[in-house]
PDB file of N, CA and C in Angstrom:
ATOM      1  N   UNK A   1      -2.436   0.364  13.858  1.00  0.00           N
ATOM      2  CA  UNK A   1      -3.627  -0.068  13.526  1.00  0.00           C
ATOM      3  C   UNK A   1      -4.105  -1.026  13.099  1.00  0.00           C
ATOM      4  N   UNK A   2      -5.584  -1.530  13.675  1.00  0.00           N
ATOM      5  CA  UNK A   2      -5.938  -2.578  14.283  1.00  0.00           C
ATOM      6  C   UNK A   2      -7.017  -3.026  13.132  1.00  0.00           C
ATOM      7  N   UNK A   3      -6.899  -4.420  12.465  1.00  0.00           N
ATOM      8  CA  UNK A   3      -7.925  -4.534  11.579  1.00  0.00           C
ATOM      9  C   UNK A   3      -8.367  -5.925  12.013  1.00  0.00           C
ATOM     10  N   UNK A   4      -9.767  -6.080  11.706  1.00  0.00           N
ATOM     11  CA  UNK A   4     -10.112  -7.912  12.010  1.00  0.00           C
ATOM     12  C   UNK A   4      -9.196  -8.344  10.603  1.00  0.00           C
ATOM     13  N   UNK A   5      -9.552  -9.838  10.926  1.00  0.00           N
ATOM     14  CA  UNK A   5      -8.654 -10.728   9.710  1.00  0.00           C
ATOM     15  C   UNK A   5     -10.071 -11.169   8.809  1.00  0.00           C
ATOM     16  N   UNK A   6     -11.450 -10.671   9.149  1.00  0.00           N
ATOM     17  CA  UNK A   6     -12.515 -11.177   7.972  1.00  0.00           C
ATOM     18  C   UNK A   6     -13.036 -10.086   8.045  1.00  0.00           C
ATOM     19  N   UNK A   7     -13.705  -9.260   7.267  1.00  0.00           N
ATOM     20  CA  UNK A   7     -14.796  -8.441   6.749  1.00  0.00           C
ATOM     21  C   UNK A   7     -15.680  -8.923   6.071  1.00  0.00           C
ATOM     22  N   UNK A   8     -17.094  -7.873   6.413  1.00  0.00           N
ATOM     23  CA  UNK A   8     -18.154  -8.111   5.535  1.00  0.00           C
ATOM     24  C   UNK A   8     -18.267  -6.853   4.261  1.00  0.00           C
ATOM     25  N   UNK A   9     -18.169  -7.210   2.906  1.00  0.00           N
ATOM     26  CA  UNK A   9     -17.807  -6.420   2.359  1.00  0.00           C
ATOM     27  C   UNK A   9     -18.581  -6.448   1.203  1.00  0.00           C
ATOM     28  N   UNK A  10     -18.476  -5.565   0.162  1.00  0.00           N
ATOM     29  CA  UNK A  10     -18.805  -5.888  -1.429  1.00  0.00           C
ATOM     30  C   UNK A  10     -17.543  -6.725  -2.682  1.00  0.00           C
ATOM     31  N   UNK A  11     -17.935  -7.436  -2.982  1.00  0.00           N
ATOM     32  CA  UNK A  11     -17.194  -7.737  -3.422  1.00  0.00           C
ATOM     33  C   UNK A  11     -17.348  -7.723  -4.974  1.00  0.00           C
ATOM     34  N   UNK A  12     -16.263  -6.454  -5.957  1.00  0.00           N
ATOM     35  CA  UNK A  12     -16.757  -6.343  -7.343  1.00  0.00           C
ATOM     36  C   UNK A  12     -16.697  -7.079  -8.128  1.00  0.00           C
ATOM     37  N   UNK A  13     -16.491  -8.477  -8.142  1.00  0.00           N
ATOM     38  CA  UNK A  13     -16.883  -9.828  -8.742  1.00  0.00           C
ATOM     39  C   UNK A  13     -17.761 -10.619  -9.114  1.00  0.00           C
ATOM     40  N   UNK A  14     -17.996 -11.207  -7.727  1.00  0.00           N
ATOM     41  CA  UNK A  14     -19.986 -11.590  -7.252  1.00  0.00           C
ATOM     42  C   UNK A  14     -21.082 -10.446  -7.679  1.00  0.00           C
ATOM     43  N   UNK A  15     -20.224  -9.626  -7.132  1.00  0.00           N
ATOM     44  CA  UNK A  15     -21.185  -8.412  -6.644  1.00  0.00           C
ATOM     45  C   UNK A  15     -22.293  -8.359  -5.676  1.00  0.00           C
ATOM     46  N   UNK A  16     -21.516  -9.060  -4.750  1.00  0.00           N
ATOM     47  CA  UNK A  16     -22.635  -9.276  -3.236  1.00  0.00           C
ATOM     48  C   UNK A  16     -21.927  -8.936  -2.588  1.00  0.00           C
ATOM     49  N   UNK A  17     -22.784  -8.587  -1.512  1.00  0.00           N
ATOM     50  CA  UNK A  17     -22.317  -8.620   0.129  1.00  0.00           C
ATOM     51  C   UNK A  17     -22.017  -9.808   0.960  1.00  0.00           C
ATOM     52  N   UNK A  18     -20.117 -10.155   0.921  1.00  0.00           N
ATOM     53  CA  UNK A  18     -19.842 -11.410   1.423  1.00  0.00           C
ATOM     54  C   UNK A  18     -19.279 -11.130   2.250  1.00  0.00           C
ATOM     55  N   UNK A  19     -18.650 -12.277   2.689  1.00  0.00           N
ATOM     56  CA  UNK A  19     -17.446 -12.134   3.879  1.00  0.00           C
ATOM     57  C   UNK A  19     -15.795 -11.739   2.985  1.00  0.00           C
ATOM     58  N   UNK A  20     -14.997 -11.433   4.087  1.00  0.00           N
ATOM     59  CA  UNK A  20     -13.895 -11.092   2.719  1.00  0.00           C
ATOM     60  C   UNK A  20     -12.887 -11.556   3.570  1.00  0.00           C
ATOM     61  N   UNK A  21     -11.546 -12.501   3.329  1.00  0.00           N
ATOM     62  CA  UNK A  21     -10.568 -12.471   4.487  1.00  0.00           C
ATOM     63  C   UNK A  21     -10.040 -11.025   3.999  1.00  0.00           C
ATOM     64  N   UNK A  22      -8.713 -10.761   4.885  1.00  0.00           N
ATOM     65  CA  UNK A  22      -7.828  -9.653   5.046  1.00  0.00           C
ATOM     66  C   UNK A  22      -6.379 -10.237   4.584  1.00  0.00           C
ATOM     67  N   UNK A  23      -5.867  -9.455   4.372  1.00  0.00           N
ATOM     68  CA  UNK A  23      -3.907  -9.590   4.109  1.00  0.00           C
ATOM     69  C   UNK A  23      -3.523  -8.973   3.667  1.00  0.00           C
ATOM     70  N   UNK A  24      -2.037  -8.444   3.973  1.00  0.00           N
ATOM     71  CA  UNK A  24      -1.525  -7.246   4.384  1.00  0.00           C
ATOM     72  C   UNK A  24      -0.327  -7.602   3.084  1.00  0.00           C
ATOM     73  N   UNK A  25       0.051  -7.121   2.353  1.00  0.00           N
ATOM     74  CA  UNK A  25       0.982  -7.185   1.264  1.00  0.00           C
ATOM     75  C   UNK A  25       2.285  -6.109   1.020  1.00  0.00           C
ATOM     76  N   UNK A  26       3.322  -5.851   0.988  1.00  0.00           N
ATOM     77  CA  UNK A  26       4.706  -5.197   1.214  1.00  0.00           C
ATOM     78  C   UNK A  26       4.475  -5.236   0.231  1.00  0.00           C
ATOM     79  N   UNK A  27       4.340  -3.294  -0.304  1.00  0.00           N
ATOM     80  CA  UNK A  27       4.129  -2.641  -1.137  1.00  0.00           C
ATOM     81  C   UNK A  27       5.420  -2.906  -2.698  1.00  0.00           C
ATOM     82  N   UNK A  28       5.113  -3.216  -3.855  1.00  0.00           N
ATOM     83  CA  UNK A  28       6.425  -3.074  -4.404  1.00  0.00           C
ATOM     84  C   UNK A  28       6.657  -1.767  -5.454  1.00  0.00           C
ATOM     85  N   UNK A  29       7.890  -1.979  -5.512  1.00  0.00           N
ATOM     86  CA  UNK A  29       8.462  -0.614  -6.330  1.00  0.00           C
ATOM     87  C   UNK A  29       8.247  -0.976  -7.691  1.00  0.00           C
ATOM     88  N   UNK A  30       8.059   0.068  -8.577  1.00  0.00           N
ATOM     89  CA  UNK A  30       8.164  -0.332 -10.029  1.00  0.00           C
ATOM     90  C   UNK A  30       9.574  -0.723 -10.461  1.00  0.00           C
ATOM     91  N   UNK A  31       9.154  -1.178 -12.025  1.00  0.00           N
ATOM     92  CA  UNK A  31      10.657  -1.400 -12.830  1.00  0.00           C
ATOM     93  C   UNK A  31      11.073  -0.381 -13.457  1.00  0.00           C
ATOM     94  N   UNK A  32       9.992   0.206 -14.112  1.00  0.00           N
ATOM     95  CA  UNK A  32      10.746   1.709 -14.958  1.00  0.00           C
ATOM     96  C   UNK A  32      10.181   2.677 -13.868  1.00  0.00           C
ATOM     97  N   UNK A  33      11.676   3.327 -14.065  1.00  0.00           N
ATOM     98  CA  UNK A  33      10.879   5.198 -13.434  1.00  0.00           C
ATOM     99  C   UNK A  33      10.932   6.243 -14.389  1.00  0.00           C
ATOM    100  N   UNK A  34       9.805   7.197 -13.581  1.00  0.00           N
ATOM    101  CA  UNK A  34       9.213   7.725 -14.059  1.00  0.00           C
ATOM    102  C   UNK A  34      10.635   9.095 -14.375  1.00  0.00           C
ATOM    103  N   UNK A  35      10.365  10.240 -15.190  1.00  0.00           N
ATOM    104  CA  UNK A  35      11.478  11.143 -16.032  1.00  0.00           C
ATOM    105  C   UNK A  35      12.112  12.021 -14.656  1.00  0.00           C
ATOM    106  N   UNK A  36      11.156  12.404 -13.714  1.00  0.00           N
ATOM    107  CA  UNK A  36      11.432  13.120 -12.331  1.00  0.00           C
ATOM    108  C   UNK A  36      11.937  12.241 -11.540  1.00  0.00           C
ATOM    109  N   UNK A  37      11.685  11.118 -11.055  1.00  0.00           N
ATOM    110  CA  UNK A  37      12.745  10.224 -10.391  1.00  0.00           C
ATOM    111  C   UNK A  37      14.086  10.021 -11.142  1.00  0.00           C
ATOM    112  N   UNK A  38      14.395   9.615 -12.475  1.00  0.00           N
ATOM    113  CA  UNK A  38      15.958   9.429 -12.744  1.00  0.00           C
ATOM    114  C   UNK A  38      16.567  10.491 -12.634  1.00  0.00           C
ATOM    115  N   UNK A  39      15.934  11.883 -12.627  1.00  0.00           N
ATOM    116  CA  UNK A  39      16.806  12.852 -12.738  1.00  0.00           C
ATOM    117  C   UNK A  39      16.718  13.254 -11.193  1.00  0.00           C
ATOM    118  N   UNK A  40      16.137  12.999 -10.305  1.00  0.00           N
ATOM    119  CA  UNK A  40      16.235  12.818  -8.959  1.00  0.00           C
ATOM    120  C   UNK A  40      17.734  12.005  -8.424  1.00  0.00           C
ATOM    121  N   UNK A  41      17.536  10.578  -9.184  1.00  0.00           N
ATOM    122  CA  UNK A  41      18.664   9.909  -8.834  1.00  0.00           C
ATOM    123  C   UNK A  41      19.980  10.174  -9.222  1.00  0.00           C
ATOM    124  N   UNK A  42      19.851  11.046 -10.591  1.00  0.00           N
ATOM    125  CA  UNK A  42      20.822  11.514 -11.097  1.00  0.00           C
ATOM    126  C   UNK A  42      21.504  12.828 -10.300  1.00  0.00           C
ATOM    127  N   UNK A  43      20.777  13.860  -9.829  1.00  0.00           N
ATOM    128  CA  UNK A  43      21.561  14.694  -8.717  1.00  0.00           C
ATOM    129  C   UNK A  43      21.378  14.045  -7.312  1.00  0.00           C
ATOM    130  N   UNK A  44      21.476  13.255  -6.941  1.00  0.00           N
ATOM    131  CA  UNK A  44      21.740  12.148  -6.070  1.00  0.00           C
ATOM    132  C   UNK A  44      23.359  11.791  -5.682  1.00  0.00           C
ATOM    133  N   UNK A  45      23.718  11.322  -6.955  1.00  0.00           N
ATOM    134  CA  UNK A  45      25.184  10.920  -7.750  1.00  0.00           C
ATOM    135  C   UNK A  45      25.743  12.231  -7.115  1.00  0.00           C
ATOM    136  N   UNK A  46      25.454  13.659  -7.295  1.00  0.00           N
ATOM    137  CA  UNK A  46      26.569  14.517  -7.222  1.00  0.00           C
ATOM    138  C   UNK A  46      26.803  15.257  -8.237  1.00  0.00           C
ATOM    139  N   UNK A  47      25.882  15.576  -9.081  1.00  0.00           N
ATOM    140  CA  UNK A  47      25.741  16.462 -10.008  1.00  0.00           C
ATOM    141  C   UNK A  47      25.155  18.327  -9.735  1.00  0.00           C
ATOM    142  N   UNK A  48      24.768  18.045  -9.020  1.00  0.00           N
ATOM    143  CA  UNK A  48      23.829  19.182  -8.255  1.00  0.00           C
ATOM    144  C   UNK A  48      24.102  19.368  -7.358  1.00  0.00           C
ATOM    145  N   UNK A  49      23.131  19.965  -6.283  1.00  0.00           N
ATOM    146  CA  UNK A  49      23.189  20.468  -4.539  1.00  0.00           C
ATOM    147  C   UNK A  49      21.584  19.395  -4.281  1.00  0.00           C
ATOM    148  N   UNK A  50      21.580  18.843  -3.089  1.00  0.00           N
ATOM    149  CA  UNK A  50      20.722  17.631  -2.758  1.00  0.00           C
ATOM    150  C   UNK A  50      19.505  18.273  -3.171  1.00  0.00           C
ATOM    151  N   UNK A  51      18.383  17.916  -4.138  1.00  0.00           N
ATOM    152  CA  UNK A  51      17.153  18.610  -4.336  1.00  0.00           C
ATOM    153  C   UNK A  51      16.268  18.835  -3.368  1.00  0.00           C
ATOM    154  N   UNK A  52      16.060  17.823  -2.062  1.00  0.00           N
ATOM    155  CA  UNK A  52      15.235  17.331  -1.495  1.00  0.00           C
ATOM    156  C   UNK A  52      15.420  17.299   0.121  1.00  0.00           C
ATOM    157  N   UNK A  53      14.175  17.506   1.197  1.00  0.00           N
ATOM    158  CA  UNK A  53      14.754  17.790   2.102  1.00  0.00           C
ATOM    159  C   UNK A  53      15.435  17.106   3.144  1.00  0.00           C
ATOM    160  N   UNK A  54      15.769  16.577   4.147  1.00  0.00           N
ATOM    161  CA  UNK A  54      17.093  16.088   4.608  1.00  0.00           C
ATOM    162  C   UNK A  54      16.160  14.399   5.075  1.00  0.00           C
ATOM    163  N   UNK A  55      16.745  13.619   5.579  1.00  0.00           N
ATOM    164  CA  UNK A  55      15.953  12.935   6.167  1.00  0.00           C
ATOM    165  C   UNK A  55      15.234  12.546   7.406  1.00  0.00           C
ATOM    166  N   UNK A  56      15.518  13.807   8.420  1.00  0.00           N
ATOM    167  CA  UNK A  56      14.778  14.022   9.401  1.00  0.00           C
ATOM    168  C   UNK A  56      13.103  13.761   8.806  1.00  0.00           C
ATOM    169  N   UNK A  57      12.888  14.976   7.431  1.00  0.00           N
ATOM    170  CA  UNK A  57      11.647  15.371   7.300  1.00  0.00           C
ATOM    171  C   UNK A  57      11.022  14.165   6.561  1.00  0.00           C
ATOM    172  N   UNK A  58      11.634  12.929   6.333  1.00  0.00           N
ATOM    173  CA  UNK A  58      11.148  12.162   5.834  1.00  0.00           C
ATOM    174  C   UNK A  58       9.779  11.158   6.795  1.00  0.00           C
ATOM    175  N   UNK A  59       9.044  11.292   5.500  1.00  0.00           N
ATOM    176  CA  UNK A  59       7.541  10.134   6.625  1.00  0.00           C
ATOM    177  C   UNK A  59       8.143   9.038   7.070  1.00  0.00           C
ATOM    178  N   UNK A  60       7.176   9.163   8.635  1.00  0.00           N
ATOM    179  CA  UNK A  60       7.764   7.980   9.544  1.00  0.00           C
ATOM    180  C   UNK A  60       6.325   6.611   9.147  1.00  0.00           C
ATOM    181  N   UNK A  61       5.295   7.368   8.511  1.00  0.00           N
ATOM    182  CA  UNK A  61       4.565   6.243   8.016  1.00  0.00           C
ATOM    183  C   UNK A  61       4.595   5.720   6.935  1.00  0.00           C
ATOM    184  N   UNK A  62       3.544   4.390   6.619  1.00  0.00           N
ATOM    185  CA  UNK A  62       3.647   4.468   5.206  1.00  0.00           C
ATOM    186  C   UNK A  62       2.309   4.033   5.158  1.00  0.00           C
ATOM    187  N   UNK A  63       1.836   4.151   3.698  1.00  0.00           N
ATOM    188  CA  UNK A  63       0.346   3.450   3.571  1.00  0.00           C
ATOM    189  C   UNK A  63       0.463   1.982   3.389  1.00  0.00           C
ATOM    190  N   UNK A  64      -0.652   1.004   3.618  1.00  0.00           N
ATOM    191  CA  UNK A  64      -0.443  -0.041   4.017  1.00  0.00           C
ATOM    192  C   UNK A  64      -1.152  -0.724   2.799  1.00  0.00           C
ATOM    193  N   UNK A  65      -1.115  -1.673   2.449  1.00  0.00           N
ATOM    194  CA  UNK A  65      -1.370  -2.312   0.814  1.00  0.00           C
ATOM    195  C   UNK A  65      -2.715  -3.782   1.486  1.00  0.00           C
ATOM    196  N   UNK A  66      -3.473  -3.430   1.502  1.00  0.00           N
ATOM    197  CA  UNK A  66      -4.557  -4.410   2.016  1.00  0.00           C
ATOM    198  C   UNK A  66      -5.378  -5.077   0.920  1.00  0.00           C
ATOM    199  N   UNK A  67      -5.083  -6.234   1.091  1.00  0.00           N
ATOM    200  CA  UNK A  67      -5.992  -7.599  -0.215  1.00  0.00           C
ATOM    201  C   UNK A  67      -7.078  -8.126   0.640  1.00  0.00           C
ATOM    202  N   UNK A  68      -8.375  -8.223  -0.428  1.00  0.00           N
ATOM    203  CA  UNK A  68      -9.180  -9.008   0.381  1.00  0.00           C
ATOM    204  C   UNK A  68      -9.236  -9.902  -0.961  1.00  0.00           C
ATOM    205  N   UNK A  69      -9.964 -11.231  -0.157  1.00  0.00           N
ATOM    206  CA  UNK A  69     -10.196 -12.509  -0.913  1.00  0.00           C
ATOM    207  C   UNK A  69     -11.714 -12.556  -0.764  1.00  0.00           C
ATOM    208  N   UNK A  70     -12.397 -12.342  -1.433  1.00  0.00           N
ATOM    209  CA  UNK A  70     -13.956 -13.208  -1.231  1.00  0.00           C
ATOM    210  C   UNK A  70     -13.924 -14.881  -0.840  1.00  0.00           C
ATOM    211  N   UNK A  71     -14.741 -14.841   0.453  1.00  0.00           N
ATOM    212  CA  UNK A  71     -15.069 -16.259   0.209  1.00  0.00           C
ATOM    213  C   UNK A  71     -16.030 -17.061  -1.032  1.00  0.00           C
ATOM    214  N   UNK A  72     -16.320 -16.456  -1.217  1.00  0.00           N
ATOM    215  CA  UNK A  72     -17.579 -17.173  -1.768  1.00  0.00           C
ATOM    216  C   UNK A  72     -16.807 -17.192  -3.712  1.00  0.00           C
ATOM    217  N   UNK A  73     -16.260 -16.695  -4.037  1.00  0.00           N
ATOM    218  CA  UNK A  73     -15.813 -16.632  -5.266  1.00  0.00           C
ATOM    219  C   UNK A  73     -14.286 -16.884  -5.445  1.00  0.00           C
ATOM    220  N   UNK A  74     -13.374 -16.535  -4.285  1.00  0.00           N
ATOM    221  CA  UNK A  74     -12.218 -17.043  -3.948  1.00  0.00           C
ATOM    222  C   UNK A  74     -11.399 -16.012  -4.836  1.00  0.00           C
ATOM    223  N   UNK A  75     -11.493 -14.968  -5.360  1.00  0.00           N
ATOM    224  CA  UNK A  75     -10.935 -13.780  -5.863  1.00  0.00           C
ATOM    225  C   UNK A  75     -10.632 -13.003  -5.072  1.00  0.00           C
ATOM    226  N   UNK A  76      -9.508 -11.887  -5.768  1.00  0.00           N
ATOM    227  CA  UNK A  76      -8.579 -10.886  -4.429  1.00  0.00           C
ATOM    228  C   UNK A  76      -8.950  -9.751  -5.132  1.00  0.00           C
ATOM    229  N   UNK A  77      -8.772  -8.822  -4.190  1.00  0.00           N
ATOM    230  CA  UNK A  77      -9.028  -7.336  -4.807  1.00  0.00           C
ATOM    231  C   UNK A  77      -8.492  -6.364  -3.813  1.00  0.00           C
ATOM    232  N   UNK A  78      -7.954  -5.243  -4.315  1.00  0.00           N
ATOM    233  CA  UNK A  78      -7.578  -4.123  -2.982  1.00  0.00           C
ATOM    234  C   UNK A  78      -8.039  -3.114  -2.718  1.00  0.00           C
ATOM    235  N   UNK A  79      -7.781  -2.786  -1.679  1.00  0.00           N
ATOM    236  CA  UNK A  79      -8.665  -1.930  -0.946  1.00  0.00           C
ATOM    237  C   UNK A  79      -8.794  -0.685  -1.055  1.00  0.00           C
ATOM    238  N   UNK A  80      -9.126   0.157  -1.826  1.00  0.00           N
ATOM    239  CA  UNK A  80      -8.846   0.970  -2.509  1.00  0.00           C
ATOM    240  C   UNK A  80      -8.554   2.697  -1.237  1.00  0.00           C
ATOM    241  N   UNK A  81      -9.164   2.543  -0.310  1.00  0.00           N
ATOM    242  CA  UNK A  81      -9.202   3.790   0.785  1.00  0.00           C
ATOM    243  C   UNK A  81      -8.374   3.178   1.408  1.00  0.00           C
ATOM    244  N   UNK A  82      -7.001   3.620   1.727  1.00  0.00           N
ATOM    245  CA  UNK A  82      -6.103   2.915   3.139  1.00  0.00           C
ATOM    246  C   UNK A  82      -5.621   4.267   3.970  1.00  0.00           C
ATOM    247  N   UNK A  83      -5.069   3.807   4.990  1.00  0.00           N
ATOM    248  CA  UNK A  83      -4.314   5.256   5.722  1.00  0.00           C
ATOM    249  C   UNK A  83      -3.072   4.861   5.868  1.00  0.00           C
ATOM    250  N   UNK A  84      -2.864   5.565   6.374  1.00  0.00           N
ATOM    251  CA  UNK A  84      -0.903   5.704   6.569  1.00  0.00           C
ATOM    252  C   UNK A  84      -1.315   5.285   8.251  1.00  0.00           C
ATOM    253  N   UNK A  85       0.333   4.248   8.246  1.00  0.00           N
ATOM    254  CA  UNK A  85       0.140   3.576   9.946  1.00  0.00           C
ATOM    255  C   UNK A  85       1.806   3.560  10.374  1.00  0.00           C
ATOM    256  N   UNK A  86       2.029   3.696  11.329  1.00  0.00           N
ATOM    257  CA  UNK A  86       2.883   2.954  11.144  1.00  0.00           C
ATOM    258  C   UNK A  86       3.237   1.940  11.966  1.00  0.00           C
ATOM    259  N   UNK A  87       2.197   0.797  12.402  1.00  0.00           N
ATOM    260  CA  UNK A  87       2.024  -0.405  12.156  1.00  0.00           C
ATOM    261  C   UNK A  87       0.629  -0.606  11.845  1.00  0.00           C
ATOM    262  N   UNK A  88       0.577  -2.326  11.925  1.00  0.00           N
ATOM    263  CA  UNK A  88      -0.187  -2.370  11.203  1.00  0.00           C
ATOM    264  C   UNK A  88      -0.669  -4.409  11.954  1.00  0.00           C
ATOM    265  N   UNK A  89      -1.710  -3.960  12.079  1.00  0.00           N
ATOM    266  CA  UNK A  89      -1.905  -5.634  13.142  1.00  0.00           C
ATOM    267  C   UNK A  89      -3.148  -6.481  12.416  1.00  0.00           C
ATOM    268  N   UNK A  90      -3.948  -7.493  12.270  1.00  0.00           N
ATOM    269  CA  UNK A  90      -4.734  -7.953  12.052  1.00  0.00           C
ATOM    270  C   UNK A  90      -4.770  -8.676  13.602  1.00  0.00           C
ATOM    271  N   UNK A  91      -6.437  -8.341  14.085  1.00  0.00           N
ATOM    272  CA  UNK A  91      -6.709  -9.226  15.079  1.00  0.00           C
ATOM    273  C   UNK A  91      -7.896 -10.095  14.745  1.00  0.00           C
ATOM    274  N   UNK A  92      -8.656 -11.203  15.516  1.00  0.00           N
ATOM    275  CA  UNK A  92      -9.343 -11.872  15.279  1.00  0.00           C
ATOM    276  C   UNK A  92     -10.607 -10.912  15.473  1.00  0.00           C
TER     277      UNK A  92
END
């Protein structure tokens, strides 16, 4: 997926249509795990049979975390509607 380095869109802070600088951030894993994830990790250790499909069925793409920085007010916000992409590239 190719995306321009700058796009014109609405800034939620200054509430104007302005030029925004696009950057990509690597998604972080959360510190505390949900109960289902803790249960899954317990099963993976070897207390029961494997509950999930094999590694062949794992999705090959990841959702891209796109951050937009307003040129006018300088604040950053996350673009909410992102798609899955195998490769992500910022173009001029």
